[in-house]
Amino acid sequence: MNPEPSFGAARRADFLLHPGIDHLNHGSFGATPKPVLAAQTAWRERMEQNPSGFFFEVLPGGIRGAAARLARTFGGEAGDWAFVENATAGVNAVLTSLTWREGDEVIVTGQVYNAVHQALRHHAGRHGVRIVTLEIPVPFEDADLLVASAGMLRTARTRLAVLDHVTSTGATILPVDALVATFKAAGIPVLIDGAHAFGMLPLDVPSIGADWYTGNLHKWCYAAKGCAALWASPARHRVMHPAVISHDYGRGFPAEFDYTGTRDASAWLAAEAALDYMEAAGIEAVRAHGRHLAAEMAAELAGAWGTEISASPEWRGAMASIRLPKPGMADRSGARALTLDLLHRHRIMAPVMPLDGRYWLRISAAMYNQPADYRRLIDIGRGL
């Protein structure tokens, strides 16, 4: 596969990325292009030129204008969208808005993001809620089997299902449409953690059928850090409140989210600039570049190491997790040590993660990546 001429090294100059590091971890924190950073700076300067006027008159319309752009890009109406700092904040807003009863059950996937898992543990511990796990086979290949397993976990006590659209550890795209249909058929509300989905996948959020959908724009939409979005179906607006209750309590969704006090909202206001940047690059071309590059490099690494990839090609996007040949049982502390070893000793930023008892290396394929960025991992991975 030959990347499009507008991607790879040709795109690197758009970013502030350190030239001495192979950046293969766009999926964790993203990287913001210079034009988007410039737009964010312009919003900040406008705020500081007249702070009171900005917060009273400019900010409300600016946020609603950016929300309207999200709706045009990802579906629904502007009033169905609110901005949050990250997908974890969106998940927490939903969890704190629900009324829990002792004995309730919440279904999560076996690859639930750790921060989301901790938030669920917090609410479960406070209210006597049971967390039920939907295990994801590794490697993931059979959507029908997963959907059938989800159906068997439903009970009369199930209060909520929390689904990853793209899992963090396994970089696996889950069949959320079918999973949502399974839960909704039993009257179970569904929250989707789409942390990696905006920008990576073509999305019409309302058509998925979930009750809530949250995800980061600062990853695969190339927005500024701290820019994420929460969509709520119109039927759920009345129950929604931000985790921080403030002046606009009682005004409903999304007004309560738009202003919770003084903060720098420039990342949200610059979301339109990020979407402009993506459109200028060609959104479909960006997705295709990431998908093909991640697939090619994952196959090359797995072949060289004699291991496997955590999901079959149709269930992957611009990321892939490849099992390392390192023996032994994996844990979080060991994975972090390996990640830091890659960075400090080899100048490669790619996370090692524990999954299914083994160590896996997750690679990301952003618009600034090219095959040469990954190939040092072939020999290095054998010695980790």
Protein backbone atom coordinates (compact mmCIF):
# COMPACT_ATOMS: atom_id res chain seq x y z
CA MET A 1 0.00 0.00 0.00
CA ASN A 2 1.34 3.40 -0.95
CA PRO A 3 -0.01 6.25 1.20
CA GLU A 4 -1.65 9.15 -0.57
CA PRO A 5 0.92 11.85 -1.44
CA SER A 6 -0.82 14.27 0.93
CA PHE A 7 -0.21 12.01 3.92
CA GLY A 8 2.79 10.60 5.72
CA ALA A 9 5.95 12.73 5.70
CA ALA A 10 4.24 15.31 3.50
CA ARG A 11 1.77 16.04 6.32
CA ARG A 12 4.29 16.09 9.20
CA ALA A 13 4.99 19.81 8.83
CA ASP A 14 1.39 20.56 9.87
CA PHE A 15 2.20 19.38 13.39
CA LEU A 16 4.56 20.32 16.23
CA LEU A 17 5.62 16.70 16.76
CA HIS A 18 9.19 16.19 17.99
CA PRO A 19 11.30 15.02 15.04
CA GLY A 20 13.34 12.61 17.17
CA ILE A 21 10.41 10.39 18.15
CA ASP A 22 8.36 7.93 16.10
CA HIS A 23 4.84 8.97 17.09
CA LEU A 24 2.66 5.86 16.83
CA ASN A 25 0.17 6.69 19.58
CA HIS A 26 -2.25 9.18 18.06
CA GLY A 27 -5.07 7.13 19.57
CA SER A 28 -4.25 8.11 23.14
CA PHE A 29 -4.00 11.87 23.03
CA GLY A 30 -4.10 12.91 19.39
CA ALA A 31 -1.92 15.61 17.87
CA THR A 32 -3.33 18.99 16.95
CA PRO A 33 -2.35 20.56 13.61
CA LYS A 34 -1.01 24.10 13.54
CA PRO A 35 -4.06 25.64 11.81
CA VAL A 36 -6.30 24.33 14.60
CA LEU A 37 -3.90 25.56 17.28
CA ALA A 38 -3.94 28.96 15.57
CA ALA A 39 -7.73 29.03 15.66
CA GLN A 40 -7.69 28.10 19.34
CA THR A 41 -5.18 30.88 20.05
CA ALA A 42 -7.39 33.37 18.22
CA TRP A 43 -10.35 32.41 20.42
CA ARG A 44 -8.19 32.74 23.55
CA GLU A 45 -6.96 36.17 22.52
CA ARG A 46 -10.51 37.28 21.81
CA MET A 47 -11.50 36.12 25.29
CA GLU A 48 -8.66 37.98 26.97
CA GLN A 49 -9.28 41.21 25.08
CA ASN A 50 -12.65 41.60 26.82
CA PRO A 51 -13.29 38.72 29.24
CA SER A 52 -16.65 39.94 30.51
CA GLY A 53 -18.01 40.69 27.06
CA PHE A 54 -16.72 37.36 25.81
CA PHE A 55 -18.44 35.27 28.50
CA PHE A 56 -21.66 37.29 28.41
CA GLU A 57 -22.12 37.68 24.66
CA VAL A 58 -19.63 35.71 22.54
CA LEU A 59 -19.31 32.35 24.25
CA PRO A 60 -22.98 31.22 24.19
CA GLY A 61 -23.38 31.74 20.46
CA GLY A 62 -19.91 30.37 19.74
CA ILE A 63 -20.58 27.10 21.50
CA ARG A 64 -23.99 26.66 19.91
CA GLY A 65 -22.48 27.41 16.50
CA ALA A 66 -19.85 24.73 17.04
CA ALA A 67 -22.57 22.32 18.19
CA ALA A 68 -24.50 23.00 14.99
CA ARG A 69 -21.39 22.02 13.04
CA LEU A 70 -21.19 18.75 14.99
CA ALA A 71 -24.79 18.04 14.10
CA ARG A 72 -24.17 18.65 10.40
CA THR A 73 -21.16 16.31 10.52
CA PHE A 74 -22.35 13.54 12.83
CA GLY A 75 -26.14 13.77 12.71
CA GLY A 76 -28.99 15.00 14.84
CA GLU A 77 -29.79 18.59 15.79
CA ALA A 78 -27.53 21.14 17.45
CA GLY A 79 -29.64 20.88 20.60
CA ASP A 80 -28.79 17.18 20.87
CA TRP A 81 -25.08 17.96 21.28
CA ALA A 82 -23.05 19.31 24.18
CA PHE A 83 -19.30 19.71 24.60
CA VAL A 84 -17.34 17.97 27.36
CA GLU A 85 -13.61 17.77 28.13
CA ASN A 86 -13.22 14.11 27.13
CA ALA A 87 -15.23 10.95 26.66
CA THR A 88 -14.75 10.02 30.32
CA ALA A 89 -16.44 13.28 31.33
CA GLY A 90 -19.32 12.42 29.00
CA VAL A 91 -19.69 8.97 30.55
CA ASN A 92 -19.63 10.45 34.05
CA ALA A 93 -22.32 12.97 33.13
CA VAL A 94 -24.62 10.14 32.09
CA LEU A 95 -23.85 7.99 35.13
CA THR A 96 -24.47 10.84 37.56
CA SER A 97 -27.71 11.77 35.80
CA LEU A 98 -29.28 8.34 36.26
CA THR A 99 -31.19 7.18 39.32
CA TRP A 100 -29.67 3.97 40.62
CA ARG A 101 -31.31 1.39 42.85
CA GLU A 102 -29.72 -1.35 44.90
CA GLY A 103 -29.68 -4.55 42.87
CA ASP A 104 -29.47 -2.81 39.50
CA GLU A 105 -27.08 -4.28 36.95
CA VAL A 106 -24.96 -2.53 34.34
CA ILE A 107 -23.39 -4.43 31.44
CA VAL A 108 -19.94 -3.42 30.21
CA THR A 109 -17.50 -5.02 27.80
CA GLY A 110 -14.43 -6.90 28.90
CA GLN A 111 -12.30 -4.25 27.22
CA VAL A 112 -14.01 -1.29 28.90
CA TYR A 113 -11.67 1.70 29.18
CA ASN A 114 -10.11 1.82 32.64
CA ALA A 115 -11.34 5.33 33.49
CA VAL A 116 -14.88 4.32 32.56
CA HIS A 117 -14.54 1.15 34.61
CA GLN A 118 -13.45 3.17 37.64
CA ALA A 119 -16.42 5.53 37.26
CA LEU A 120 -18.73 2.52 37.13
CA ARG A 121 -17.06 1.02 40.20
CA HIS A 122 -17.67 4.28 42.04
CA HIS A 123 -21.38 4.33 41.29
CA ALA A 124 -21.75 0.61 41.79
CA GLY A 125 -20.13 0.83 45.20
CA ARG A 126 -22.32 3.73 46.29
CA HIS A 127 -25.63 2.28 45.15
CA GLY A 128 -25.22 -1.49 45.35
CA VAL A 129 -25.11 -1.96 41.58
CA ARG A 130 -23.68 -5.13 40.04
CA ILE A 131 -21.28 -4.83 37.07
CA VAL A 132 -21.76 -7.59 34.51
CA THR A 133 -19.06 -8.17 31.89
CA LEU A 134 -19.61 -8.96 28.22
CA GLU A 135 -16.38 -10.68 27.25
CA ILE A 136 -14.89 -9.92 23.84
CA PRO A 137 -13.10 -12.90 22.26
CA VAL A 138 -9.46 -12.30 21.32
CA PRO A 139 -8.94 -12.25 18.43
CA PHE A 140 -12.35 -10.81 17.63
CA GLU A 141 -13.85 -12.26 14.46
CA ASP A 142 -17.50 -13.22 15.00
CA ALA A 143 -19.99 -10.39 15.57
CA ASP A 144 -22.96 -12.76 15.77
CA LEU A 145 -21.39 -14.64 18.68
CA LEU A 146 -20.84 -11.40 20.62
CA VAL A 147 -24.39 -10.21 20.00
CA ALA A 148 -25.76 -13.57 21.13
CA SER A 149 -23.65 -13.39 24.29
CA ALA A 150 -24.99 -9.90 24.97
CA GLY A 151 -28.55 -11.18 24.69
CA MET A 152 -27.87 -13.87 27.27
CA LEU A 153 -26.57 -11.33 29.80
CA ARG A 154 -29.77 -9.27 29.82
CA THR A 155 -31.93 -9.61 32.91
CA ALA A 156 -34.88 -7.81 34.45
CA ARG A 157 -32.37 -5.98 36.65
CA THR A 158 -30.25 -4.60 33.79
CA ARG A 159 -30.39 -0.81 34.13
CA LEU A 160 -27.83 0.22 31.52
CA ALA A 161 -25.42 -1.15 28.91
CA VAL A 162 -22.14 0.68 28.34
CA LEU A 163 -20.50 -0.25 25.04
CA ASP A 164 -17.20 0.71 23.47
CA HIS A 165 -17.50 1.64 19.81
CA VAL A 166 -13.75 1.10 19.34
CA THR A 167 -12.02 -0.60 22.26
CA SER A 168 -8.86 0.96 23.65
CA THR A 169 -6.79 -2.13 24.40
CA GLY A 170 -7.83 -4.30 21.49
CA ALA A 171 -8.39 -1.47 18.97
CA THR A 172 -11.49 -3.43 18.01
CA ILE A 173 -14.54 -1.92 16.33
CA LEU A 174 -17.59 -3.48 17.96
CA PRO A 175 -20.88 -4.13 16.11
CA VAL A 176 -22.67 -1.42 18.08
CA ASP A 177 -25.72 -1.26 15.81
CA ALA A 178 -26.57 -4.90 16.45
CA LEU A 179 -25.66 -4.71 20.14
CA VAL A 180 -27.81 -1.62 20.65
CA ALA A 181 -30.74 -3.30 18.92
CA THR A 182 -30.38 -6.32 21.22
CA PHE A 183 -30.48 -4.22 24.38
CA LYS A 184 -33.14 -1.78 23.21
CA ALA A 185 -35.42 -4.70 22.31
CA ALA A 186 -35.44 -5.47 26.05
CA GLY A 187 -35.98 -1.80 26.99
CA ILE A 188 -32.41 -1.36 28.25
CA PRO A 189 -30.85 2.09 27.74
CA VAL A 190 -27.46 2.17 26.02
CA LEU A 191 -24.50 4.51 26.46
CA ILE A 192 -21.75 4.27 23.84
CA ASP A 193 -18.18 5.27 24.64
CA GLY A 194 -17.05 6.39 21.20
CA ALA A 195 -13.70 7.78 22.37
CA HIS A 196 -11.93 6.71 19.16
CA ALA A 197 -14.82 6.85 16.71
CA PHE A 198 -15.22 10.52 15.73
CA GLY A 199 -13.08 10.99 12.64
CA MET A 200 -11.93 7.37 12.43
CA LEU A 201 -15.32 5.95 11.42
CA PRO A 202 -18.15 7.30 9.27
CA LEU A 203 -20.82 8.22 11.81
CA ASP A 204 -24.48 9.11 11.85
CA VAL A 205 -24.86 8.97 15.61
CA PRO A 206 -28.68 9.08 15.91
CA SER A 207 -29.06 6.19 13.47
CA ILE A 208 -27.13 3.87 15.82
CA GLY A 209 -30.12 3.93 18.13
CA ALA A 210 -28.31 4.45 21.45
CA ASP A 211 -29.57 6.76 24.17
CA TRP A 212 -26.25 8.53 24.67
CA TYR A 213 -23.06 8.70 22.62
CA THR A 214 -19.86 10.39 23.76
CA GLY A 215 -16.45 10.62 22.13
CA ASN A 216 -13.29 12.65 21.75
CA LEU A 217 -12.68 15.11 18.96
CA HIS A 218 -9.06 15.65 20.01
CA LYS A 219 -8.08 12.23 18.71
CA TRP A 220 -9.16 11.34 15.18
CA CYS A 221 -10.85 14.67 14.41
CA TYR A 222 -7.55 16.46 15.11
CA ALA A 223 -9.16 18.97 17.47
CA ALA A 224 -7.40 20.67 20.37
CA LYS A 225 -6.91 18.80 23.65
CA GLY A 226 -9.96 18.78 25.88
CA CYS A 227 -12.47 18.82 23.03
CA ALA A 228 -15.05 16.06 23.19
CA ALA A 229 -18.78 15.78 22.62
CA LEU A 230 -21.83 14.20 24.20
CA TRP A 231 -24.95 13.41 22.18
CA ALA A 232 -28.22 12.65 23.95
CA SER A 233 -31.32 11.38 22.23
CA PRO A 234 -34.20 13.86 22.55
CA ALA A 235 -36.07 11.41 24.79
CA ARG A 236 -33.21 11.60 27.30
CA HIS A 237 -32.70 15.36 27.40
CA ARG A 238 -34.81 15.94 30.49
CA VAL A 239 -32.74 13.62 32.71
CA MET A 240 -29.35 14.98 31.66
CA HIS A 241 -27.14 17.13 33.88
CA PRO A 242 -23.39 17.78 33.81
CA ALA A 243 -21.25 16.29 36.57
CA VAL A 244 -20.67 19.89 37.75
CA ILE A 245 -23.99 21.54 38.62
CA SER A 246 -23.88 25.30 38.18
CA HIS A 247 -25.83 28.46 37.30
CA ASP A 248 -27.95 26.98 34.53
CA TYR A 249 -29.35 24.08 36.51
CA GLY A 250 -32.92 23.47 35.41
CA ARG A 251 -32.45 24.91 31.92
CA GLY A 252 -32.03 21.42 30.52
CA PHE A 253 -29.76 19.76 27.99
CA PRO A 254 -27.54 21.14 26.51
CA ALA A 255 -27.74 24.55 28.24
CA GLU A 256 -26.53 23.17 31.57
CA PHE A 257 -23.40 21.83 29.84
CA ASP A 258 -22.56 24.97 27.86
CA TYR A 259 -21.67 27.03 30.90
CA THR A 260 -20.68 25.62 34.30
CA GLY A 261 -18.43 28.54 35.26
CA THR A 262 -15.26 30.28 34.10
CA ARG A 263 -13.07 28.03 31.99
CA ASP A 264 -11.11 28.13 28.76
CA ALA A 265 -13.56 26.89 26.11
CA SER A 266 -11.22 27.66 23.21
CA ALA A 267 -10.77 23.98 22.34
CA TRP A 268 -14.55 23.64 21.89
CA LEU A 269 -14.82 26.84 19.91
CA ALA A 270 -12.00 25.69 17.61
CA ALA A 271 -13.81 22.42 16.84
CA GLU A 272 -15.07 23.92 13.59
CA ALA A 273 -11.48 24.66 12.56
CA ALA A 274 -10.59 21.01 13.20
CA LEU A 275 -13.46 19.82 11.03
CA ASP A 276 -12.45 22.33 8.36
CA TYR A 277 -8.93 20.89 8.46
CA MET A 278 -10.26 17.35 8.10
CA GLU A 279 -12.50 18.31 5.21
CA ALA A 280 -9.65 20.08 3.41
CA ALA A 281 -7.50 16.95 3.78
CA GLY A 282 -10.41 14.78 2.60
CA ILE A 283 -12.15 12.96 5.44
CA GLU A 284 -12.63 9.74 3.51
CA ALA A 285 -9.03 9.82 2.31
CA VAL A 286 -7.79 10.36 5.88
CA ARG A 287 -9.81 7.37 7.07
CA ALA A 288 -8.60 5.19 4.20
CA HIS A 289 -4.97 6.15 4.82
CA GLY A 290 -5.22 5.22 8.49
CA ARG A 291 -7.11 2.00 7.91
CA HIS A 292 -4.80 0.70 5.18
CA LEU A 293 -1.58 1.75 6.91
CA ALA A 294 -2.60 0.21 10.25
CA ALA A 295 -3.64 -3.01 8.52
CA GLU A 296 -0.40 -3.28 6.54
CA MET A 297 1.87 -2.56 9.48
CA ALA A 298 -0.03 -4.82 11.87
CA ALA A 299 0.23 -7.71 9.42
CA GLU A 300 3.95 -7.05 8.96
CA LEU A 301 4.65 -6.96 12.71
CA ALA A 302 2.51 -9.99 13.55
CA GLY A 303 4.16 -11.93 10.75
CA ALA A 304 7.66 -11.01 11.89
CA TRP A 305 6.91 -11.85 15.52
CA GLY A 306 4.91 -15.00 14.78
CA THR A 307 1.98 -13.69 16.81
CA GLU A 308 -1.54 -12.38 16.09
CA ILE A 309 -3.66 -9.24 15.74
CA SER A 310 -6.48 -8.72 18.24
CA ALA A 311 -9.25 -8.40 15.63
CA SER A 312 -9.80 -9.42 12.03
CA PRO A 313 -9.44 -6.65 9.41
CA GLU A 314 -13.14 -5.83 9.07
CA TRP A 315 -13.24 -4.94 12.79
CA ARG A 316 -10.31 -2.53 12.74
CA GLY A 317 -9.84 1.10 11.76
CA ALA A 318 -6.77 3.32 12.09
CA MET A 319 -5.42 1.32 15.04
CA ALA A 320 -4.36 -2.26 15.63
CA SER A 321 -3.14 -4.25 18.63
CA ILE A 322 -0.50 -6.91 17.96
CA ARG A 323 0.51 -9.49 20.52
CA LEU A 324 4.14 -9.19 21.53
CA PRO A 325 6.27 -12.37 21.62
CA LYS A 326 7.17 -11.61 25.25
CA PRO A 327 6.28 -14.60 27.47
CA GLY A 328 4.61 -14.46 30.85
CA MET A 329 1.41 -13.05 32.30
CA ALA A 330 0.81 -9.38 31.61
CA ASP A 331 -0.21 -6.69 34.08
CA ARG A 332 -0.69 -2.91 33.96
CA SER A 333 2.59 -2.05 35.69
CA GLY A 334 4.58 -4.28 33.37
CA ALA A 335 2.87 -2.81 30.34
CA ARG A 336 3.66 0.73 31.48
CA ALA A 337 7.32 -0.20 32.02
CA LEU A 338 7.54 -1.60 28.48
CA THR A 339 5.87 1.51 27.06
CA LEU A 340 8.37 3.79 28.80
CA ASP A 341 11.26 1.56 27.69
CA LEU A 342 10.15 1.99 24.08
CA LEU A 343 10.03 5.74 24.53
CA HIS A 344 13.20 6.38 26.51
CA ARG A 345 15.49 3.74 25.02
CA HIS A 346 14.19 3.56 21.46
CA ARG A 347 12.39 6.91 20.96
CA ILE A 348 9.17 5.18 19.89
CA MET A 349 5.84 6.21 21.37
CA ALA A 350 3.51 3.22 21.14
CA PRO A 351 1.61 1.84 24.15
CA VAL A 352 1.99 -1.69 25.42
CA MET A 353 -1.24 -2.96 27.00
CA PRO A 354 -2.30 -6.08 28.91
CA LEU A 355 -5.04 -8.00 27.16
CA ASP A 356 -6.22 -11.58 27.62
CA GLY A 357 -3.26 -12.22 29.93
CA ARG A 358 -0.59 -11.22 27.41
CA TYR A 359 1.23 -8.06 26.32
CA TRP A 360 -0.01 -6.31 23.19
CA LEU A 361 1.45 -3.37 21.31
CA ARG A 362 -1.13 -0.93 19.95
CA ILE A 363 -0.19 1.10 16.90
CA SER A 364 -2.03 4.10 15.49
CA ALA A 365 -1.93 5.30 11.90
CA ALA A 366 -2.50 9.05 11.74
CA MET A 367 -2.32 11.21 8.63
CA TYR A 368 1.32 12.07 9.44
CA ASN A 369 2.45 8.42 9.67
CA GLN A 370 4.11 6.28 6.99
CA PRO A 371 5.43 2.67 6.86
CA ALA A 372 8.99 3.62 7.80
CA ASP A 373 7.73 4.85 11.19
CA TYR A 374 6.88 1.30 12.27
CA ARG A 375 9.59 -0.92 10.91
CA ARG A 376 12.12 -0.48 13.72
CA LEU A 377 9.56 -2.23 15.90
CA ILE A 378 10.18 -5.53 14.12
CA ASP A 379 13.52 -6.15 15.81
CA ILE A 380 12.79 -4.13 18.96
CA GLY A 381 9.57 -6.03 19.65
CA ARG A 382 11.39 -9.34 19.67
CA GLY A 383 13.57 -8.16 22.56
CA LEU A 384 11.01 -6.46 24.78
